[in-house]
PDB file of N, CA and C in Angstrom:
ATOM      1  N   MET A   1       0.890  -1.659   0.384  1.00  0.00           N
ATOM      2  CA  MET A   1       0.406   0.255  -0.251  1.00  0.00           C
ATOM      3  C   MET A   1       1.006   1.334  -0.046  1.00  0.00           C
ATOM      4  N   SER A   2       0.702   2.326  -0.567  1.00  0.00           N
ATOM      5  CA  SER A   2       1.575   3.382  -1.327  1.00  0.00           C
ATOM      6  C   SER A   2       1.372   4.330   0.175  1.00  0.00           C
ATOM      7  N   SER A   3       2.013   5.256   1.040  1.00  0.00           N
ATOM      8  CA  SER A   3       2.022   6.103   1.676  1.00  0.00           C
ATOM      9  C   SER A   3       0.693   6.804   1.764  1.00  0.00           C
ATOM     10  N   GLN A   4       0.535   7.657   0.529  1.00  0.00           N
ATOM     11  CA  GLN A   4      -1.027   8.166  -0.336  1.00  0.00           C
ATOM     12  C   GLN A   4      -1.860   7.921   0.904  1.00  0.00           C
ATOM     13  N   ASN A   5      -1.988   6.390  -0.111  1.00  0.00           N
ATOM     14  CA  ASN A   5      -3.108   5.932   1.110  1.00  0.00           C
ATOM     15  C   ASN A   5      -3.058   5.585   2.376  1.00  0.00           C
ATOM     16  N   ASN A   6      -2.075   5.069   2.880  1.00  0.00           N
ATOM     17  CA  ASN A   6      -2.437   5.198   4.418  1.00  0.00           C
ATOM     18  C   ASN A   6      -2.448   6.683   4.817  1.00  0.00           C
ATOM     19  N   ASN A   7      -1.483   7.334   4.098  1.00  0.00           N
ATOM     20  CA  ASN A   7      -2.235   8.735   4.641  1.00  0.00           C
ATOM     21  C   ASN A   7      -3.705   9.257   4.044  1.00  0.00           C
ATOM     22  N   ALA A   8      -4.426   8.813   3.627  1.00  0.00           N
ATOM     23  CA  ALA A   8      -5.945   9.127   2.848  1.00  0.00           C
ATOM     24  C   ALA A   8      -6.788   8.339   4.410  1.00  0.00           C
ATOM     25  N   ASP A   9      -6.674   6.839   4.551  1.00  0.00           N
ATOM     26  CA  ASP A   9      -7.097   6.314   5.321  1.00  0.00           C
ATOM     27  C   ASP A   9      -6.883   6.397   7.057  1.00  0.00           C
ATOM     28  N   ALA A  10      -5.528   6.678   7.381  1.00  0.00           N
ATOM     29  CA  ALA A  10      -5.567   8.121   8.572  1.00  0.00           C
ATOM     30  C   ALA A  10      -6.067   8.876   8.618  1.00  0.00           C
ATOM     31  N   TYR A  11      -6.353   9.794   8.112  1.00  0.00           N
ATOM     32  CA  TYR A  11      -7.411  11.038   7.621  1.00  0.00           C
ATOM     33  C   TYR A  11      -9.115  10.800   7.994  1.00  0.00           C
ATOM     34  N   GLU A  12      -9.366   9.698   7.355  1.00  0.00           N
ATOM     35  CA  GLU A  12     -10.859   9.028   7.054  1.00  0.00           C
ATOM     36  C   GLU A  12     -10.746   8.479   8.253  1.00  0.00           C
ATOM     37  N   MET A  13     -10.010   7.891   8.884  1.00  0.00           N
ATOM     38  CA  MET A  13      -9.937   7.734  10.809  1.00  0.00           C
ATOM     39  C   MET A  13     -10.102   9.151  11.506  1.00  0.00           C
ATOM     40  N   ALA A  14      -9.201   9.787  11.705  1.00  0.00           N
ATOM     41  CA  ALA A  14      -9.405  10.861  12.168  1.00  0.00           C
ATOM     42  C   ALA A  14     -10.832  11.914  12.012  1.00  0.00           C
ATOM     43  N   GLN A  15     -11.752  11.788  11.296  1.00  0.00           N
ATOM     44  CA  GLN A  15     -12.669  12.543  10.505  1.00  0.00           C
ATOM     45  C   GLN A  15     -13.838  11.797  11.294  1.00  0.00           C
ATOM     46  N   LEU A  16     -13.666  10.187  11.185  1.00  0.00           N
ATOM     47  CA  LEU A  16     -14.419   9.763  11.921  1.00  0.00           C
ATOM     48  C   LEU A  16     -14.917   9.789  14.136  1.00  0.00           C
ATOM     49  N   ALA A  17     -13.563  10.109  14.174  1.00  0.00           N
ATOM     50  CA  ALA A  17     -12.816   9.510  15.978  1.00  0.00           C
ATOM     51  C   ALA A  17     -13.774  11.610  15.790  1.00  0.00           C
ATOM     52  N   LEU A  18     -13.200  12.663  14.871  1.00  0.00           N
ATOM     53  CA  LEU A  18     -13.635  13.669  15.302  1.00  0.00           C
ATOM     54  C   LEU A  18     -15.531  13.676  15.436  1.00  0.00           C
ATOM     55  N   ALA A  19     -15.640  13.922  14.903  1.00  0.00           N
ATOM     56  CA  ALA A  19     -17.336  13.357  14.483  1.00  0.00           C
ATOM     57  C   ALA A  19     -18.009  12.702  15.770  1.00  0.00           C
ATOM     58  N   GLN A  20     -17.481  11.827  15.708  1.00  0.00           N
ATOM     59  CA  GLN A  20     -17.766  10.453  17.232  1.00  0.00           C
ATOM     60  C   GLN A  20     -18.075  10.910  18.268  1.00  0.00           C
ATOM     61  N   MET A  21     -16.430  12.307  18.711  1.00  0.00           N
ATOM     62  CA  MET A  21     -15.888  13.275  19.302  1.00  0.00           C
ATOM     63  C   MET A  21     -17.773  13.946  19.558  1.00  0.00           C
ATOM     64  N   LYS A  22     -17.327  15.189  18.941  1.00  0.00           N
ATOM     65  CA  LYS A  22     -18.351  16.262  18.470  1.00  0.00           C
ATOM     66  C   LYS A  22     -20.406  15.499  19.015  1.00  0.00           C
ATOM     67  N   ALA A  23     -20.041  14.619  18.284  1.00  0.00           N
ATOM     68  CA  ALA A  23     -21.883  13.537  18.528  1.00  0.00           C
ATOM     69  C   ALA A  23     -21.567  13.336  20.222  1.00  0.00           C
ATOM     70  N   ALA A  24     -20.775  13.162  20.676  1.00  0.00           N
ATOM     71  CA  ALA A  24     -20.908  12.468  22.208  1.00  0.00           C
ATOM     72  C   ALA A  24     -21.340  14.264  23.056  1.00  0.00           C
ATOM     73  N   VAL A  25     -20.265  14.721  22.736  1.00  0.00           N
ATOM     74  CA  VAL A  25     -20.578  15.997  23.579  1.00  0.00           C
ATOM     75  C   VAL A  25     -21.852  17.395  23.479  1.00  0.00           C
ATOM     76  N   TYR A  26     -22.526  17.021  22.015  1.00  0.00           N
ATOM     77  CA  TYR A  26     -23.699  16.985  21.289  1.00  0.00           C
ATOM     78  C   TYR A  26     -24.541  16.201  22.401  1.00  0.00           C
ATOM     79  N   MET A  27     -24.319  14.634  22.611  1.00  0.00           N
ATOM     80  CA  MET A  27     -25.969  14.230  23.262  1.00  0.00           C
ATOM     81  C   MET A  27     -24.717  14.616  25.096  1.00  0.00           C
ATOM     82  N   VAL A  28     -23.957  15.129  25.568  1.00  0.00           N
ATOM     83  CA  VAL A  28     -24.000  15.753  27.202  1.00  0.00           C
ATOM     84  C   VAL A  28     -24.253  16.709  27.121  1.00  0.00           C
ATOM     85  N   LEU A  29     -23.802  17.551  26.507  1.00  0.00           N
ATOM     86  CA  LEU A  29     -24.788  19.213  26.159  1.00  0.00           C
ATOM     87  C   LEU A  29     -26.580  19.305  25.923  1.00  0.00           C
ATOM     88  N   ALA A  30     -26.500  18.616  25.247  1.00  0.00           N
ATOM     89  CA  ALA A  30     -28.418  18.340  25.211  1.00  0.00           C
ATOM     90  C   ALA A  30     -29.064  17.843  25.914  1.00  0.00           C
ATOM     91  N   SER A  31     -28.405  17.090  27.162  1.00  0.00           N
ATOM     92  CA  SER A  31     -29.124  16.423  28.193  1.00  0.00           C
ATOM     93  C   SER A  31     -29.184  17.092  29.951  1.00  0.00           C
ATOM     94  N   ASN A  32     -28.397  17.802  29.246  1.00  0.00           N
ATOM     95  CA  ASN A  32     -28.461  19.438  30.470  1.00  0.00           C
ATOM     96  C   ASN A  32     -28.218  20.962  29.773  1.00  0.00           C
ATOM     97  N   ARG A  33     -29.822  20.942  29.260  1.00  0.00           N
ATOM     98  CA  ARG A  33     -29.952  22.511  28.210  1.00  0.00           C
ATOM     99  C   ARG A  33     -29.945  23.581  29.113  1.00  0.00           C
ATOM    100  N   SER A  34     -30.321  23.275  30.654  1.00  0.00           N
ATOM    101  CA  SER A  34     -30.569  24.309  31.263  1.00  0.00           C
ATOM    102  C   SER A  34     -30.061  25.521  31.934  1.00  0.00           C
ATOM    103  N   ASN A  35     -28.358  24.859  31.976  1.00  0.00           N
ATOM    104  CA  ASN A  35     -26.854  26.134  32.726  1.00  0.00           C
ATOM    105  C   ASN A  35     -25.834  25.761  31.997  1.00  0.00           C
ATOM    106  N   GLY A  36     -26.034  24.489  31.212  1.00  0.00           N
ATOM    107  CA  GLY A  36     -24.796  24.952  30.566  1.00  0.00           C
ATOM    108  C   GLY A  36     -23.673  24.314  31.040  1.00  0.00           C
ATOM    109  N   LEU A  37     -22.389  23.708  30.369  1.00  0.00           N
ATOM    110  CA  LEU A  37     -21.308  22.646  31.530  1.00  0.00           C
ATOM    111  C   LEU A  37     -20.219  23.320  30.802  1.00  0.00           C
ATOM    112  N   ARG A  38     -19.422  23.600  31.874  1.00  0.00           N
ATOM    113  CA  ARG A  38     -18.227  23.957  32.044  1.00  0.00           C
ATOM    114  C   ARG A  38     -17.333  22.819  31.328  1.00  0.00           C
ATOM    115  N   ASN A  39     -15.962  22.920  31.302  1.00  0.00           N
ATOM    116  CA  ASN A  39     -15.159  21.783  29.967  1.00  0.00           C
ATOM    117  C   ASN A  39     -15.536  21.101  30.370  1.00  0.00           C
ATOM    118  N   VAL A  40     -14.851  21.208  31.664  1.00  0.00           N
ATOM    119  CA  VAL A  40     -14.094  19.904  32.614  1.00  0.00           C
ATOM    120  C   VAL A  40     -15.491  18.930  33.201  1.00  0.00           C
ATOM    121  N   ASP A  41     -16.619  19.584  32.831  1.00  0.00           N
ATOM    122  CA  ASP A  41     -17.974  18.707  33.663  1.00  0.00           C
ATOM    123  C   ASP A  41     -18.585  18.506  32.152  1.00  0.00           C
ATOM    124  N   ILE A  42     -17.851  18.242  31.383  1.00  0.00           N
ATOM    125  CA  ILE A  42     -17.867  17.697  29.613  1.00  0.00           C
ATOM    126  C   ILE A  42     -17.452  16.154  29.755  1.00  0.00           C
ATOM    127  N   GLY A  43     -15.886  17.237  30.377  1.00  0.00           N
ATOM    128  CA  GLY A  43     -15.121  15.734  29.596  1.00  0.00           C
ATOM    129  C   GLY A  43     -15.472  14.906  31.772  1.00  0.00           C
ATOM    130  N   ARG A  44     -15.652  15.494  32.193  1.00  0.00           N
ATOM    131  CA  ARG A  44     -15.894  14.256  33.004  1.00  0.00           C
ATOM    132  C   ARG A  44     -17.427  13.110  32.802  1.00  0.00           C
ATOM    133  N   SER A  45     -18.315  13.540  32.217  1.00  0.00           N
ATOM    134  CA  SER A  45     -19.187  13.146  31.449  1.00  0.00           C
ATOM    135  C   SER A  45     -18.931  12.219  30.873  1.00  0.00           C
ATOM    136  N   LEU A  46     -18.287  12.319  30.398  1.00  0.00           N
ATOM    137  CA  LEU A  46     -17.694  11.358  29.486  1.00  0.00           C
ATOM    138  C   LEU A  46     -16.722  10.127  29.598  1.00  0.00           C
ATOM    139  N   ARG A  47     -16.245  10.400  31.107  1.00  0.00           N
ATOM    140  CA  ARG A  47     -14.747  10.593  31.170  1.00  0.00           C
ATOM    141  C   ARG A  47     -14.031   9.415  30.869  1.00  0.00           C
ATOM    142  N   ILE A  48     -13.380  11.418  30.544  1.00  0.00           N
ATOM    143  CA  ILE A  48     -12.015  11.499  29.959  1.00  0.00           C
ATOM    144  C   ILE A  48     -11.162  12.004  31.717  1.00  0.00           C
ATOM    145  N   TYR A  49     -10.231  11.491  31.689  1.00  0.00           N
ATOM    146  CA  TYR A  49      -9.650  12.187  32.941  1.00  0.00           C
ATOM    147  C   TYR A  49      -7.939  12.445  32.941  1.00  0.00           C
ATOM    148  N   HIS A  50      -7.861  11.955  31.553  1.00  0.00           N
ATOM    149  CA  HIS A  50      -6.778  12.890  31.588  1.00  0.00           C
ATOM    150  C   HIS A  50      -5.893  14.242  31.213  1.00  0.00           C
ATOM    151  N   GLY A  51      -4.565  15.139  30.842  1.00  0.00           N
ATOM    152  CA  GLY A  51      -5.011  15.985  31.013  1.00  0.00           C
ATOM    153  C   GLY A  51      -3.450  16.365  31.872  1.00  0.00           C
ATOM    154  N   HIS A  52      -3.066  17.441  31.476  1.00  0.00           N
ATOM    155  CA  HIS A  52      -2.236  18.476  32.243  1.00  0.00           C
ATOM    156  C   HIS A  52      -2.507  18.920  33.493  1.00  0.00           C
ATOM    157  N   ALA A  53      -1.328  19.137  34.519  1.00  0.00           N
ATOM    158  CA  ALA A  53      -2.051  19.367  35.618  1.00  0.00           C
ATOM    159  C   ALA A  53      -2.976  20.480  36.069  1.00  0.00           C
ATOM    160  N   ARG A  54      -3.916  20.308  36.463  1.00  0.00           N
ATOM    161  CA  ARG A  54      -5.217  21.185  37.187  1.00  0.00           C
ATOM    162  C   ARG A  54      -6.565  21.205  35.620  1.00  0.00           C
ATOM    163  N   HIS A  55      -6.059  20.497  34.001  1.00  0.00           N
ATOM    164  CA  HIS A  55      -6.850  20.652  33.148  1.00  0.00           C
ATOM    165  C   HIS A  55      -7.189  18.937  32.785  1.00  0.00           C
ATOM    166  N   GLU A  56      -7.442  18.667  34.172  1.00  0.00           N
ATOM    167  CA  GLU A  56      -7.823  16.117  33.818  1.00  0.00           C
ATOM    168  C   GLU A  56      -8.694  16.445  33.838  1.00  0.00           C
ATOM    169  N   GLY A  57      -9.770  16.100  33.382  1.00  0.00           N
ATOM    170  CA  GLY A  57     -10.674  16.056  32.165  1.00  0.00           C
ATOM    171  C   GLY A  57     -11.677  16.686  31.469  1.00  0.00           C
ATOM    172  N   HIS A  58     -10.949  17.913  30.546  1.00  0.00           N
ATOM    173  CA  HIS A  58     -11.336  18.950  29.622  1.00  0.00           C
ATOM    174  C   HIS A  58     -10.910  18.209  28.547  1.00  0.00           C
ATOM    175  N   ILE A  59     -12.070  18.415  27.940  1.00  0.00           N
ATOM    176  CA  ILE A  59     -12.053  18.473  26.354  1.00  0.00           C
ATOM    177  C   ILE A  59     -11.458  19.085  26.039  1.00  0.00           C
ATOM    178  N   SER A  60     -10.767  18.671  24.513  1.00  0.00           N
ATOM    179  CA  SER A  60      -9.823  19.383  23.342  1.00  0.00           C
ATOM    180  C   SER A  60     -11.330  20.948  23.270  1.00  0.00           C
ATOM    181  N   ARG A  61     -10.401  22.038  23.711  1.00  0.00           N
ATOM    182  CA  ARG A  61     -10.113  23.103  22.967  1.00  0.00           C
ATOM    183  C   ARG A  61     -10.487  23.636  22.231  1.00  0.00           C
ATOM    184  N   SER A  62     -10.099  23.499  21.100  1.00  0.00           N
ATOM    185  CA  SER A  62     -10.310  22.635  20.227  1.00  0.00           C
ATOM    186  C   SER A  62     -11.180  22.320  19.013  1.00  0.00           C
ATOM    187  N   LEU A  63     -11.562  21.044  20.080  1.00  0.00           N
ATOM    188  CA  LEU A  63     -12.875  20.110  19.352  1.00  0.00           C
ATOM    189  C   LEU A  63     -14.070  21.078  19.748  1.00  0.00           C
ATOM    190  N   LEU A  64     -14.089  22.188  21.070  1.00  0.00           N
ATOM    191  CA  LEU A  64     -15.578  22.846  21.027  1.00  0.00           C
ATOM    192  C   LEU A  64     -15.136  23.847  20.547  1.00  0.00           C
ATOM    193  N   ALA A  65     -14.087  24.115  19.716  1.00  0.00           N
ATOM    194  CA  ALA A  65     -14.073  25.675  19.255  1.00  0.00           C
ATOM    195  C   ALA A  65     -14.516  25.187  17.249  1.00  0.00           C
ATOM    196  N   MET A  66     -14.154  23.591  17.087  1.00  0.00           N
ATOM    197  CA  MET A  66     -15.508  23.368  16.083  1.00  0.00           C
ATOM    198  C   MET A  66     -16.583  23.410  15.889  1.00  0.00           C
ATOM    199  N   MET A  67     -16.444  23.113  16.799  1.00  0.00           N
ATOM    200  CA  MET A  67     -18.129  22.819  17.608  1.00  0.00           C
ATOM    201  C   MET A  67     -18.707  24.271  17.317  1.00  0.00           C
ATOM    202  N   GLU A  68     -18.297  25.499  17.565  1.00  0.00           N
ATOM    203  CA  GLU A  68     -18.707  26.974  18.095  1.00  0.00           C
ATOM    204  C   GLU A  68     -18.976  26.715  16.141  1.00  0.00           C
ATOM    205  N   ASN A  69     -17.527  27.045  15.879  1.00  0.00           N
ATOM    206  CA  ASN A  69     -17.529  27.292  14.055  1.00  0.00           C
ATOM    207  C   ASN A  69     -18.617  26.728  13.566  1.00  0.00           C
ATOM    208  N   ASP A  70     -19.276  25.376  13.543  1.00  0.00           N
ATOM    209  CA  ASP A  70     -20.258  24.648  13.957  1.00  0.00           C
ATOM    210  C   ASP A  70     -21.715  25.596  13.774  1.00  0.00           C
ATOM    211  N   GLY A  71     -20.939  26.085  14.370  1.00  0.00           N
ATOM    212  CA  GLY A  71     -22.656  26.740  15.114  1.00  0.00           C
ATOM    213  C   GLY A  71     -23.258  26.236  15.982  1.00  0.00           C
ATOM    214  N   VAL A  72     -23.178  25.554  16.362  1.00  0.00           N
ATOM    215  CA  VAL A  72     -23.273  24.225  17.220  1.00  0.00           C
ATOM    216  C   VAL A  72     -23.382  24.165  18.503  1.00  0.00           C
ATOM    217  N   ILE A  73     -23.181  25.131  18.560  1.00  0.00           N
ATOM    218  CA  ILE A  73     -22.575  24.672  20.932  1.00  0.00           C
ATOM    219  C   ILE A  73     -21.942  27.050  20.893  1.00  0.00           C
ATOM    220  N   GLU A  74     -22.247  27.464  21.902  1.00  0.00           N
ATOM    221  CA  GLU A  74     -21.655  28.963  22.244  1.00  0.00           C
ATOM    222  C   GLU A  74     -21.250  28.308  23.748  1.00  0.00           C
ATOM    223  N   GLN A  75     -20.127  29.597  23.823  1.00  0.00           N
ATOM    224  CA  GLN A  75     -19.549  29.600  25.512  1.00  0.00           C
ATOM    225  C   GLN A  75     -20.406  30.933  26.216  1.00  0.00           C
ATOM    226  N   ASP A  76     -20.884  31.214  27.567  1.00  0.00           N
ATOM    227  CA  ASP A  76     -20.840  31.910  28.042  1.00  0.00           C
ATOM    228  C   ASP A  76     -20.142  32.639  28.741  1.00  0.00           C
ATOM    229  N   ASP A  77     -19.532  33.793  28.779  1.00  0.00           N
ATOM    230  CA  ASP A  77     -18.268  34.500  28.566  1.00  0.00           C
ATOM    231  C   ASP A  77     -18.546  34.903  29.909  1.00  0.00           C
ATOM    232  N   GLN A  78     -19.361  34.749  31.101  1.00  0.00           N
ATOM    233  CA  GLN A  78     -19.530  34.783  32.561  1.00  0.00           C
ATOM    234  C   GLN A  78     -19.143  33.847  33.061  1.00  0.00           C
ATOM    235  N   THR A  79     -19.601  32.423  32.758  1.00  0.00           N
ATOM    236  CA  THR A  79     -19.692  31.431  33.231  1.00  0.00           C
ATOM    237  C   THR A  79     -19.003  30.014  32.859  1.00  0.00           C
ATOM    238  N   LYS A  80     -18.048  30.570  31.418  1.00  0.00           N
ATOM    239  CA  LYS A  80     -17.008  29.608  30.824  1.00  0.00           C
ATOM    240  C   LYS A  80     -17.909  28.637  30.805  1.00  0.00           C
ATOM    241  N   THR A  81     -20.341  28.473  30.776  1.00  0.00           N
ATOM    242  CA  THR A  81     -20.113  27.067  30.179  1.00  0.00           C
ATOM    243  C   THR A  81     -20.306  26.949  28.838  1.00  0.00           C
ATOM    244  N   TRP A  82     -20.347  25.613  28.345  1.00  0.00           N
ATOM    245  CA  TRP A  82     -20.856  25.889  26.975  1.00  0.00           C
ATOM    246  C   TRP A  82     -22.078  25.610  26.704  1.00  0.00           C
ATOM    247  N   LYS A  83     -23.101  25.598  25.654  1.00  0.00           N
ATOM    248  CA  LYS A  83     -24.718  25.622  25.841  1.00  0.00           C
ATOM    249  C   LYS A  83     -24.916  25.108  24.290  1.00  0.00           C
ATOM    250  N   LEU A  84     -25.745  24.105  24.182  1.00  0.00           N
ATOM    251  CA  LEU A  84     -26.271  24.108  22.488  1.00  0.00           C
ATOM    252  C   LEU A  84     -26.798  25.169  22.738  1.00  0.00           C
ATOM    253  N   ILE A  85     -26.459  26.307  20.759  1.00  0.00           N
ATOM    254  CA  ILE A  85     -27.752  26.974  20.230  1.00  0.00           C
ATOM    255  C   ILE A  85     -28.956  26.674  20.098  1.00  0.00           C
TER     256      ILE A  85
END
């Protein structure tokens, strides 16, 4: 198999993983529409406990930014909680 095919397979795998993580975050936020959730609350709901010091459990800000750019979620500047739009 060529390197180009391996890269295409890796790209497809990464896109699927991102889509699944976005769907999981969406489901967590949909189940708590009233107050929104902090990044760490989302991560802990998904049982993600890895991260650097004082950030264990946080969902990647990059993933949340992608969802924000997609117009699916927004962050409250005051409370730093995330909600579905």
